[in-house]
Amino acid sequence: MHPAIERLAGMMPPPATRPSAAPWDLAPAEVGFQFPDDYRDFADLYGAGLVNDQLLIWTPSLKRDKVREGDARKGFASLVEGAPSGISDYLAELHEEEPEENPYPMYPDEEGLIAWGNDYSGNHFIWLTGDADPNKWPIISWNRSGYWFRFDGGFGDFLVANLTGEHPESTWIVGDERPPTWELVQDWSREY
């Protein structure tokens, strides 16, 4: 298991029900890359859900997208295309029409963004895919007020930094509830 996810598990206990794991070996054929190691370990241990009733972390699922009515995307493609919140379409349009408001293209464009979570205030958490090695993708936090914050570490390190208060924006990302709580919402094949 990735060291950051081991540390996270010591701070925030995984759910009692073990989530069903995604078939990660199929991801490269479906979306063109493999997800970062720490993210895969997190998804297999925690599934998709909420940290402190605030930060919603998405994971690939065979369940249909509930946000955009009629959207049939599921699996790895649904996550990569931002279907859980519809953010990819919005950020792609913003990048095209107002690049000063969004300096980043969306994946599959070079150095494109892939969203992996959001909060109930409409803020989103995103990988910047510029490196060929997904384990080196930094995290971009997009505050819906138009602010972009870059975290030069991976998914697991980002979560740990927020839950320990080491990240300067941790209060608006995960709140200040300690110890942190986790609510399992969905995994590869089930909703809870």
C-alpha atoms as a PDB file:
ATOM      1  CA  MET A   1       0.000   0.000   0.000  1.00  0.00           C
ATOM      2  CA  HIS A   2       1.181   3.521  -0.763  1.00  0.00           C
ATOM      3  CA  PRO A   3       2.793   5.140   2.328  1.00  0.00           C
ATOM      4  CA  ALA A   4       0.484   8.189   2.209  1.00  0.00           C
ATOM      5  CA  ILE A   5      -2.594   5.938   2.206  1.00  0.00           C
ATOM      6  CA  GLU A   6      -1.179   3.935   5.119  1.00  0.00           C
ATOM      7  CA  ARG A   7      -0.754   7.194   7.024  1.00  0.00           C
ATOM      8  CA  LEU A   8      -4.252   8.280   6.046  1.00  0.00           C
ATOM      9  CA  ALA A   9      -5.705   4.988   7.303  1.00  0.00           C
ATOM     10  CA  GLY A  10      -4.099   5.665  10.671  1.00  0.00           C
ATOM     11  CA  MET A  11      -5.858   9.032  10.837  1.00  0.00           C
ATOM     12  CA  MET A  12      -9.200   8.191   9.229  1.00  0.00           C
ATOM     13  CA  PRO A  13     -10.359   4.573   9.603  1.00  0.00           C
ATOM     14  CA  PRO A  14     -11.516   2.923   6.360  1.00  0.00           C
ATOM     15  CA  PRO A  15     -15.151   1.800   6.163  1.00  0.00           C
ATOM     16  CA  ALA A  16     -16.161  -1.421   7.908  1.00  0.00           C
ATOM     17  CA  THR A  17     -17.510  -2.718   4.595  1.00  0.00           C
ATOM     18  CA  ARG A  18     -14.648  -3.341   2.183  1.00  0.00           C
ATOM     19  CA  PRO A  19     -15.444  -1.594  -1.132  1.00  0.00           C
ATOM     20  CA  SER A  20     -15.436  -3.647  -4.317  1.00  0.00           C
ATOM     21  CA  ALA A  21     -12.259  -2.814  -6.211  1.00  0.00           C
ATOM     22  CA  ALA A  22     -12.181  -1.422  -9.712  1.00  0.00           C
ATOM     23  CA  PRO A  23     -10.483  -3.565 -12.377  1.00  0.00           C
ATOM     24  CA  TRP A  24      -7.562  -1.134 -12.628  1.00  0.00           C
ATOM     25  CA  ASP A  25      -5.807  -3.224 -15.283  1.00  0.00           C
ATOM     26  CA  LEU A  26      -8.579  -2.190 -17.720  1.00  0.00           C
ATOM     27  CA  ALA A  27      -8.084   1.562 -17.211  1.00  0.00           C
ATOM     28  CA  PRO A  28      -5.252   2.102 -19.747  1.00  0.00           C
ATOM     29  CA  ALA A  29      -7.315   0.581 -22.573  1.00  0.00           C
ATOM     30  CA  GLU A  30     -10.407   2.609 -21.636  1.00  0.00           C
ATOM     31  CA  VAL A  31      -8.882   6.014 -20.869  1.00  0.00           C
ATOM     32  CA  GLY A  32      -5.290   5.875 -22.138  1.00  0.00           C
ATOM     33  CA  PHE A  33      -3.400   5.883 -18.827  1.00  0.00           C
ATOM     34  CA  GLN A  34      -3.178   4.193 -15.458  1.00  0.00           C
ATOM     35  CA  PHE A  35      -4.370   6.093 -12.406  1.00  0.00           C
ATOM     36  CA  PRO A  36      -1.804   7.081  -9.734  1.00  0.00           C
ATOM     37  CA  ASP A  37      -0.838   4.320  -7.293  1.00  0.00           C
ATOM     38  CA  ASP A  38      -1.950   6.236  -4.197  1.00  0.00           C
ATOM     39  CA  TYR A  39      -5.364   6.957  -5.712  1.00  0.00           C
ATOM     40  CA  ARG A  40      -5.902   3.301  -6.658  1.00  0.00           C
ATOM     41  CA  ASP A  41      -4.928   2.198  -3.147  1.00  0.00           C
ATOM     42  CA  PHE A  42      -7.302   4.790  -1.687  1.00  0.00           C
ATOM     43  CA  ALA A  43     -10.208   3.712  -3.916  1.00  0.00           C
ATOM     44  CA  ASP A  44      -9.679   0.032  -3.082  1.00  0.00           C
ATOM     45  CA  LEU A  45      -9.579   0.783   0.652  1.00  0.00           C
ATOM     46  CA  TYR A  46     -12.188   3.552   0.974  1.00  0.00           C
ATOM     47  CA  GLY A  47     -14.337   3.629  -2.177  1.00  0.00           C
ATOM     48  CA  ALA A  48     -16.006   6.906  -3.125  1.00  0.00           C
ATOM     49  CA  GLY A  49     -17.416   9.088  -0.400  1.00  0.00           C
ATOM     50  CA  LEU A  50     -17.152  12.043   1.927  1.00  0.00           C
ATOM     51  CA  VAL A  51     -14.394  13.266   4.197  1.00  0.00           C
ATOM     52  CA  ASN A  52     -15.902  15.177   7.143  1.00  0.00           C
ATOM     53  CA  ASP A  53     -19.189  15.569   5.237  1.00  0.00           C
ATOM     54  CA  GLN A  54     -17.335  18.122   3.141  1.00  0.00           C
ATOM     55  CA  LEU A  55     -14.908  16.736   0.549  1.00  0.00           C
ATOM     56  CA  LEU A  56     -16.476  14.276  -1.900  1.00  0.00           C
ATOM     57  CA  ILE A  57     -13.895  11.982  -3.471  1.00  0.00           C
ATOM     58  CA  TRP A  58     -14.975  10.263  -6.672  1.00  0.00           C
ATOM     59  CA  THR A  59     -13.810   6.847  -7.764  1.00  0.00           C
ATOM     60  CA  PRO A  60     -14.624   4.928 -10.953  1.00  0.00           C
ATOM     61  CA  SER A  61     -17.958   3.127 -10.845  1.00  0.00           C
ATOM     62  CA  LEU A  62     -20.243   1.069 -13.033  1.00  0.00           C
ATOM     63  CA  LYS A  63     -23.168   3.108 -11.671  1.00  0.00           C
ATOM     64  CA  ARG A  64     -24.555   5.724 -14.011  1.00  0.00           C
ATOM     65  CA  ASP A  65     -23.859   9.384 -13.456  1.00  0.00           C
ATOM     66  CA  LYS A  66     -26.622  10.879 -11.318  1.00  0.00           C
ATOM     67  CA  VAL A  67     -25.653  14.513 -11.773  1.00  0.00           C
ATOM     68  CA  ARG A  68     -26.244  14.944 -15.482  1.00  0.00           C
ATOM     69  CA  GLU A  69     -29.591  13.406 -16.302  1.00  0.00           C
ATOM     70  CA  GLY A  70     -29.443  10.996 -19.211  1.00  0.00           C
ATOM     71  CA  ASP A  71     -25.661  10.707 -19.099  1.00  0.00           C
ATOM     72  CA  ALA A  72     -24.791   7.062 -19.757  1.00  0.00           C
ATOM     73  CA  ARG A  73     -21.061   7.346 -19.074  1.00  0.00           C
ATOM     74  CA  LYS A  74     -19.754   5.036 -16.411  1.00  0.00           C
ATOM     75  CA  GLY A  75     -16.576   3.271 -15.417  1.00  0.00           C
ATOM     76  CA  PHE A  76     -13.218   4.962 -15.862  1.00  0.00           C
ATOM     77  CA  ALA A  77     -14.456   7.238 -18.667  1.00  0.00           C
ATOM     78  CA  SER A  78     -17.086   8.797 -16.443  1.00  0.00           C
ATOM     79  CA  LEU A  79     -14.467   9.837 -13.907  1.00  0.00           C
ATOM     80  CA  VAL A  80     -11.987  11.103 -16.512  1.00  0.00           C
ATOM     81  CA  GLU A  81     -14.653  13.169 -18.254  1.00  0.00           C
ATOM     82  CA  GLY A  82     -15.756  14.766 -14.986  1.00  0.00           C
ATOM     83  CA  ALA A  83     -19.230  13.269 -15.126  1.00  0.00           C
ATOM     84  CA  PRO A  84     -19.738  13.134 -11.353  1.00  0.00           C
ATOM     85  CA  SER A  85     -20.149  16.933 -11.302  1.00  0.00           C
ATOM     86  CA  GLY A  86     -20.112  18.080 -14.916  1.00  0.00           C
ATOM     87  CA  ILE A  87     -17.025  20.187 -14.137  1.00  0.00           C
ATOM     88  CA  SER A  88     -14.968  19.058 -17.119  1.00  0.00           C
ATOM     89  CA  ASP A  89     -17.371  20.587 -19.628  1.00  0.00           C
ATOM     90  CA  TYR A  90     -17.485  23.833 -17.666  1.00  0.00           C
ATOM     91  CA  LEU A  91     -13.701  24.129 -17.246  1.00  0.00           C
ATOM     92  CA  ALA A  92     -13.070  23.237 -20.907  1.00  0.00           C
ATOM     93  CA  GLU A  93     -15.450  25.991 -21.999  1.00  0.00           C
ATOM     94  CA  LEU A  94     -13.896  28.438 -19.536  1.00  0.00           C
ATOM     95  CA  HIS A  95     -10.397  27.616 -20.835  1.00  0.00           C
ATOM     96  CA  GLU A  96     -11.505  28.168 -24.422  1.00  0.00           C
ATOM     97  CA  GLU A  97     -13.492  31.356 -23.854  1.00  0.00           C
ATOM     98  CA  GLU A  98     -11.603  32.941 -20.939  1.00  0.00           C
ATOM     99  CA  PRO A  99      -8.114  31.423 -20.672  1.00  0.00           C
ATOM    100  CA  GLU A 100      -7.135  34.030 -18.084  1.00  0.00           C
ATOM    101  CA  GLU A 101      -9.796  32.489 -15.807  1.00  0.00           C
ATOM    102  CA  ASN A 102      -8.698  28.910 -16.530  1.00  0.00           C
ATOM    103  CA  PRO A 103      -5.119  28.542 -17.736  1.00  0.00           C
ATOM    104  CA  TYR A 104      -5.420  24.748 -18.013  1.00  0.00           C
ATOM    105  CA  PRO A 105      -6.903  22.629 -20.802  1.00  0.00           C
ATOM    106  CA  MET A 106      -8.825  19.469 -19.974  1.00  0.00           C
ATOM    107  CA  TYR A 107      -7.518  15.946 -20.525  1.00  0.00           C
ATOM    108  CA  PRO A 108      -6.788  14.495 -23.116  1.00  0.00           C
ATOM    109  CA  ASP A 109      -5.096  17.763 -24.160  1.00  0.00           C
ATOM    110  CA  GLU A 110      -1.446  18.028 -23.201  1.00  0.00           C
ATOM    111  CA  GLU A 111      -1.119  18.916 -19.505  1.00  0.00           C
ATOM    112  CA  GLY A 112      -4.890  18.568 -19.240  1.00  0.00           C
ATOM    113  CA  LEU A 113      -6.884  18.427 -16.042  1.00  0.00           C
ATOM    114  CA  ILE A 114      -8.780  15.442 -14.624  1.00  0.00           C
ATOM    115  CA  ALA A 115     -11.111  16.161 -11.718  1.00  0.00           C
ATOM    116  CA  TRP A 116     -11.341  13.633  -8.876  1.00  0.00           C
ATOM    117  CA  GLY A 117     -13.466  15.408  -6.285  1.00  0.00           C
ATOM    118  CA  ASN A 118     -15.483  18.384  -5.166  1.00  0.00           C
ATOM    119  CA  ASP A 119     -17.149  19.904  -2.159  1.00  0.00           C
ATOM    120  CA  TYR A 120     -20.659  21.225  -1.617  1.00  0.00           C
ATOM    121  CA  SER A 121     -19.515  24.792  -2.250  1.00  0.00           C
ATOM    122  CA  GLY A 122     -18.642  23.911  -5.852  1.00  0.00           C
ATOM    123  CA  ASN A 123     -14.859  23.812  -5.360  1.00  0.00           C
ATOM    124  CA  HIS A 124     -13.061  21.050  -7.275  1.00  0.00           C
ATOM    125  CA  PHE A 125      -9.911  19.000  -6.858  1.00  0.00           C
ATOM    126  CA  ILE A 126      -8.031  18.006  -9.949  1.00  0.00           C
ATOM    127  CA  TRP A 127      -4.918  16.287 -11.254  1.00  0.00           C
ATOM    128  CA  LEU A 128      -2.633  18.209 -13.595  1.00  0.00           C
ATOM    129  CA  THR A 129      -1.576  15.474 -16.022  1.00  0.00           C
ATOM    130  CA  GLY A 130       1.582  17.063 -17.481  1.00  0.00           C
ATOM    131  CA  ASP A 131       3.940  14.251 -16.488  1.00  0.00           C
ATOM    132  CA  ALA A 132       3.916  10.897 -18.299  1.00  0.00           C
ATOM    133  CA  ASP A 133       4.141   9.245 -14.859  1.00  0.00           C
ATOM    134  CA  PRO A 134       0.741   9.668 -13.134  1.00  0.00           C
ATOM    135  CA  ASN A 135       2.458   9.221  -9.760  1.00  0.00           C
ATOM    136  CA  LYS A 136       4.019  12.646 -10.338  1.00  0.00           C
ATOM    137  CA  TRP A 137       0.792  14.513 -11.113  1.00  0.00           C
ATOM    138  CA  PRO A 138       0.352  17.521  -8.811  1.00  0.00           C
ATOM    139  CA  ILE A 139      -3.036  18.464  -7.396  1.00  0.00           C
ATOM    140  CA  ILE A 140      -4.864  21.609  -8.431  1.00  0.00           C
ATOM    141  CA  SER A 141      -7.587  22.970  -6.169  1.00  0.00           C
ATOM    142  CA  TRP A 142     -10.031  25.183  -7.999  1.00  0.00           C
ATOM    143  CA  ASN A 143     -12.030  27.495  -5.788  1.00  0.00           C
ATOM    144  CA  ARG A 144     -15.224  28.465  -7.588  1.00  0.00           C
ATOM    145  CA  SER A 145     -14.387  32.106  -6.871  1.00  0.00           C
ATOM    146  CA  GLY A 146     -11.741  31.643  -9.559  1.00  0.00           C
ATOM    147  CA  TYR A 147      -8.666  30.875  -7.485  1.00  0.00           C
ATOM    148  CA  TRP A 148      -6.289  28.074  -8.439  1.00  0.00           C
ATOM    149  CA  PHE A 149      -4.019  26.474  -5.842  1.00  0.00           C
ATOM    150  CA  ARG A 150      -1.291  24.025  -6.817  1.00  0.00           C
ATOM    151  CA  PHE A 151      -0.094  21.297  -4.460  1.00  0.00           C
ATOM    152  CA  ASP A 152       3.179  19.739  -5.561  1.00  0.00           C
ATOM    153  CA  GLY A 153       2.484  16.272  -4.235  1.00  0.00           C
ATOM    154  CA  GLY A 154       0.209  13.390  -5.081  1.00  0.00           C
ATOM    155  CA  PHE A 155      -3.369  12.580  -4.161  1.00  0.00           C
ATOM    156  CA  GLY A 156      -2.511  10.774  -0.905  1.00  0.00           C
ATOM    157  CA  ASP A 157      -0.075  13.452   0.259  1.00  0.00           C
ATOM    158  CA  PHE A 158      -2.703  16.099  -0.518  1.00  0.00           C
ATOM    159  CA  LEU A 159      -5.281  14.349   1.669  1.00  0.00           C
ATOM    160  CA  VAL A 160      -2.814  13.862   4.515  1.00  0.00           C
ATOM    161  CA  ALA A 161      -1.679  17.510   4.317  1.00  0.00           C
ATOM    162  CA  ASN A 162      -5.281  18.647   4.541  1.00  0.00           C
ATOM    163  CA  LEU A 163      -6.264  16.333   7.376  1.00  0.00           C
ATOM    164  CA  THR A 164      -3.225  17.333   9.430  1.00  0.00           C
ATOM    165  CA  GLY A 165      -3.779  21.043   8.750  1.00  0.00           C
ATOM    166  CA  GLU A 166      -0.418  21.318   6.962  1.00  0.00           C
ATOM    167  CA  HIS A 167      -2.091  22.546   3.759  1.00  0.00           C
ATOM    168  CA  PRO A 168      -2.786  26.304   4.005  1.00  0.00           C
ATOM    169  CA  GLU A 169      -6.302  25.910   2.577  1.00  0.00           C
ATOM    170  CA  SER A 170      -7.264  22.833   4.610  1.00  0.00           C
ATOM    171  CA  THR A 171     -10.190  24.467   6.420  1.00  0.00           C
ATOM    172  CA  TRP A 172     -12.199  25.097   3.266  1.00  0.00           C
ATOM    173  CA  ILE A 173     -11.165  21.753   1.759  1.00  0.00           C
ATOM    174  CA  VAL A 174     -11.856  19.307   4.621  1.00  0.00           C
ATOM    175  CA  GLY A 175     -13.029  21.466   7.514  1.00  0.00           C
ATOM    176  CA  ASP A 176     -11.513  21.157  10.951  1.00  0.00           C
ATOM    177  CA  GLU A 177     -13.251  18.045  12.316  1.00  0.00           C
ATOM    178  CA  ARG A 178     -10.724  15.842  14.094  1.00  0.00           C
ATOM    179  CA  PRO A 179     -10.426  12.956  13.984  1.00  0.00           C
ATOM    180  CA  PRO A 180     -11.614  13.009  10.390  1.00  0.00           C
ATOM    181  CA  THR A 181     -14.650  10.975   9.366  1.00  0.00           C
ATOM    182  CA  TRP A 182     -15.323   8.949   6.221  1.00  0.00           C
ATOM    183  CA  GLU A 183     -18.692   8.063   4.739  1.00  0.00           C
ATOM    184  CA  LEU A 184     -18.676   5.400   2.020  1.00  0.00           C
ATOM    185  CA  VAL A 185     -21.119   6.342  -0.744  1.00  0.00           C
ATOM    186  CA  GLN A 186     -20.204   4.117  -3.700  1.00  0.00           C
ATOM    187  CA  ASP A 187     -17.592   1.732  -5.058  1.00  0.00           C
ATOM    188  CA  TRP A 188     -16.998   0.042  -8.407  1.00  0.00           C
ATOM    189  CA  SER A 189     -20.251  -1.931  -8.368  1.00  0.00           C
ATOM    190  CA  ARG A 190     -22.409  -0.745  -5.447  1.00  0.00           C
ATOM    191  CA  GLU A 191     -24.058   2.272  -3.869  1.00  0.00           C
ATOM    192  CA  TYR A 192     -24.403   2.483  -0.105  1.00  0.00           C
END
